[in-house]
Each structure stands twice: as C-alpha cells, then as structure tokens.
Amino acid sequence: MDFSQFSGFLAFLFVFTTGFWLLLFLLTFVVPYWITGTIIENFQLKAAAKKGKK
C-alpha cells in the first residue's frame, strides 16, 4: 500500500465517521427537539384559537 492509497483510505474513514456522528447527532438531539417544538407550538396555537373564539 503506497501513500496515495493510504491517504485515500484515511479520507474515506474521515468522511464515513463524520457522516456517522452527524447522523447520530441528528437522530438523538435535532429530531426530538424539532418534534417537541412542533407539539408545543401546536398546543399554543390551539389555546390561542380557543381564546379567540370566546
């Protein structure tokens, strides 16, 4: 294995592990935060609509 193959292998490992950690971060923090925010916003909109009808 010469240096060009080794550097290509290191570049592949870097891209693969970066993608893996990004996916893990998105699935554990960003998606639940987004879903929770959407639910809270929907509750607030429904409460505002009820107050508007009264």
Protein backbone atom coordinates (compact mmCIF):
# COMPACT_ATOMS: atom_id res chain seq x y z
CA MET A 1 0.00 0.00 0.00
CA ASP A 2 1.59 3.25 -1.09
CA PHE A 3 0.96 6.73 0.27
CA SER A 4 -1.79 7.67 -2.20
CA GLN A 5 -3.84 4.61 -1.30
CA PHE A 6 -3.28 5.22 2.39
CA SER A 7 -4.31 8.88 2.15
CA GLY A 8 -7.41 7.87 0.18
CA PHE A 9 -8.26 5.34 2.87
CA LEU A 10 -7.83 7.99 5.57
CA ALA A 11 -10.05 10.40 3.62
CA PHE A 12 -12.71 7.68 3.33
CA LEU A 13 -12.52 6.97 7.06
CA PHE A 14 -12.83 10.67 7.86
CA VAL A 15 -15.90 11.12 5.64
CA PHE A 16 -17.51 7.91 6.90
CA THR A 17 -17.00 8.67 10.59
CA THR A 18 -18.08 12.30 10.14
CA GLY A 19 -21.30 11.12 8.47
CA PHE A 20 -21.87 8.54 11.19
CA TRP A 21 -21.52 11.05 14.03
CA LEU A 22 -23.64 13.62 12.19
CA LEU A 23 -26.40 11.05 11.72
CA LEU A 24 -26.17 10.04 15.37
CA PHE A 25 -26.36 13.69 16.46
CA LEU A 26 -29.37 14.34 14.22
CA LEU A 27 -31.26 11.30 15.45
CA THR A 28 -30.61 11.86 19.15
CA PHE A 29 -30.83 15.65 19.51
CA VAL A 30 -32.14 17.53 16.49
CA VAL A 31 -35.13 15.36 15.53
CA PRO A 32 -36.55 15.07 19.09
CA TYR A 33 -36.03 18.83 19.60
CA TRP A 34 -37.87 19.53 16.34
CA ILE A 35 -40.77 17.19 17.21
CA THR A 36 -41.11 18.61 20.73
CA GLY A 37 -41.11 22.17 19.41
CA THR A 38 -43.78 21.32 16.86
CA ILE A 39 -46.03 19.76 19.51
CA ILE A 40 -45.63 22.72 21.85
CA GLU A 41 -46.33 25.18 19.04
CA ASN A 42 -49.49 23.29 18.06
CA PHE A 43 -50.74 23.37 21.66
CA GLN A 44 -50.10 27.12 21.83
CA LEU A 45 -51.94 27.71 18.54
CA LYS A 46 -54.92 25.67 19.72
CA ALA A 47 -55.02 27.57 23.02
CA ALA A 48 -54.88 30.90 21.16
CA ALA A 49 -57.70 29.78 18.87
CA LYS A 50 -59.86 28.86 21.88
CA LYS A 51 -59.23 32.27 23.45
CA GLY A 52 -60.07 33.96 20.16
CA LYS A 53 -63.47 32.26 19.97
CA LYS A 54 -64.52 33.40 23.44
